[in-house]
Amino acid sequence: MGAHSRKCDWCGSGTPVVRDMEPLDSDYQYWCEECARALIIVGDPIETYRELDGEPIYGRLLDEYCTLKRFYSFATA
């Protein structure tokens, strides 16, 4: 199933913009922008991720909302 035909694994309705490449729970790999923003705000950002639309949406969210700077890695194909 392609990423564009998927829905956010958390809310079940949003279009995923990022995939967690090392999820703690395999049921929660794909995140829409709103749910990904919420993860960052509560201090549980995705550390190894792949942007799904080719635009750095999640990277911008990290820059904007992440106050604790950690190492993040953009997964390559």
Protein backbone atom coordinates (compact mmCIF):
# COMPACT_ATOMS: atom_id res chain seq x y z
CA MET A 1 0.00 0.00 0.00
CA GLY A 2 1.45 3.38 -0.97
CA ALA A 3 1.92 6.12 1.58
CA HIS A 4 -0.64 8.33 -0.17
CA SER A 5 -3.37 5.72 0.22
CA ARG A 6 -2.60 5.30 3.94
CA LYS A 7 -4.05 7.18 6.87
CA CYS A 8 -2.27 8.32 10.02
CA ASP A 9 -1.80 5.36 12.36
CA TRP A 10 -2.61 7.50 15.43
CA CYS A 11 -5.69 9.53 14.48
CA GLY A 12 -6.83 7.34 11.59
CA SER A 13 -7.86 10.26 9.40
CA GLY A 14 -4.88 12.43 8.48
CA THR A 15 -2.63 11.91 5.47
CA PRO A 16 0.81 10.75 6.63
CA VAL A 17 3.74 13.11 6.04
CA VAL A 18 6.39 11.13 7.95
CA ARG A 19 7.21 7.50 8.68
CA ASP A 20 8.93 6.36 11.87
CA MET A 21 11.67 4.03 10.63
CA GLU A 22 12.32 2.54 14.10
CA PRO A 23 8.90 2.47 15.79
CA LEU A 24 8.52 1.04 19.28
CA ASP A 25 5.15 -0.33 18.16
CA SER A 26 4.83 -1.40 14.52
CA ASP A 27 1.16 -0.35 14.56
CA TYR A 28 2.28 3.30 14.73
CA GLN A 29 4.64 4.00 11.85
CA TYR A 30 2.85 6.62 9.76
CA TRP A 31 2.05 10.07 11.19
CA CYS A 32 0.08 13.01 9.82
CA GLU A 33 1.41 16.54 10.36
CA GLU A 34 -0.86 17.29 13.32
CA CYS A 35 -0.04 14.07 15.18
CA ALA A 36 3.67 14.41 14.42
CA ARG A 37 3.59 17.97 15.81
CA ALA A 38 1.89 16.67 18.96
CA LEU A 39 4.63 14.05 19.41
CA ILE A 40 7.29 16.75 19.24
CA ILE A 41 5.46 19.05 21.63
CA VAL A 42 5.05 16.35 24.29
CA GLY A 43 8.76 15.56 24.00
CA ASP A 44 8.59 12.26 22.13
CA PRO A 45 9.75 13.11 18.60
CA ILE A 46 10.47 10.52 15.94
CA GLU A 47 14.26 10.16 15.81
CA THR A 48 14.77 8.10 12.65
CA TYR A 49 12.29 9.13 10.02
CA ARG A 50 11.49 9.34 6.32
CA GLU A 51 9.62 12.28 4.83
CA LEU A 52 6.86 10.93 2.59
CA ASP A 53 6.07 13.87 0.32
CA GLY A 54 9.61 14.81 -0.59
CA GLU A 55 9.26 18.05 1.38
CA PRO A 56 10.93 18.49 4.78
CA ILE A 57 7.65 18.93 6.67
CA TYR A 58 8.78 16.94 9.69
CA GLY A 59 12.20 18.59 9.65
CA ARG A 60 10.51 22.01 9.80
CA LEU A 61 8.32 20.83 12.68
CA LEU A 62 11.43 19.72 14.56
CA ASP A 63 13.08 23.08 13.98
CA GLU A 64 9.98 24.95 15.10
CA TYR A 65 8.79 22.93 18.09
CA CYS A 66 11.69 20.87 19.44
CA THR A 67 13.39 22.54 22.38
CA LEU A 68 15.56 19.59 23.39
CA LYS A 69 18.08 19.15 20.62
CA ARG A 70 18.87 15.50 19.99
CA PHE A 71 20.33 13.63 17.09
CA TYR A 72 17.83 12.95 14.35
CA SER A 73 18.49 11.05 11.19
CA PHE A 74 16.74 11.20 7.90
CA ALA A 75 16.48 7.66 6.59
CA THR A 76 17.66 7.12 3.07
CA ALA A 77 16.29 4.53 0.67
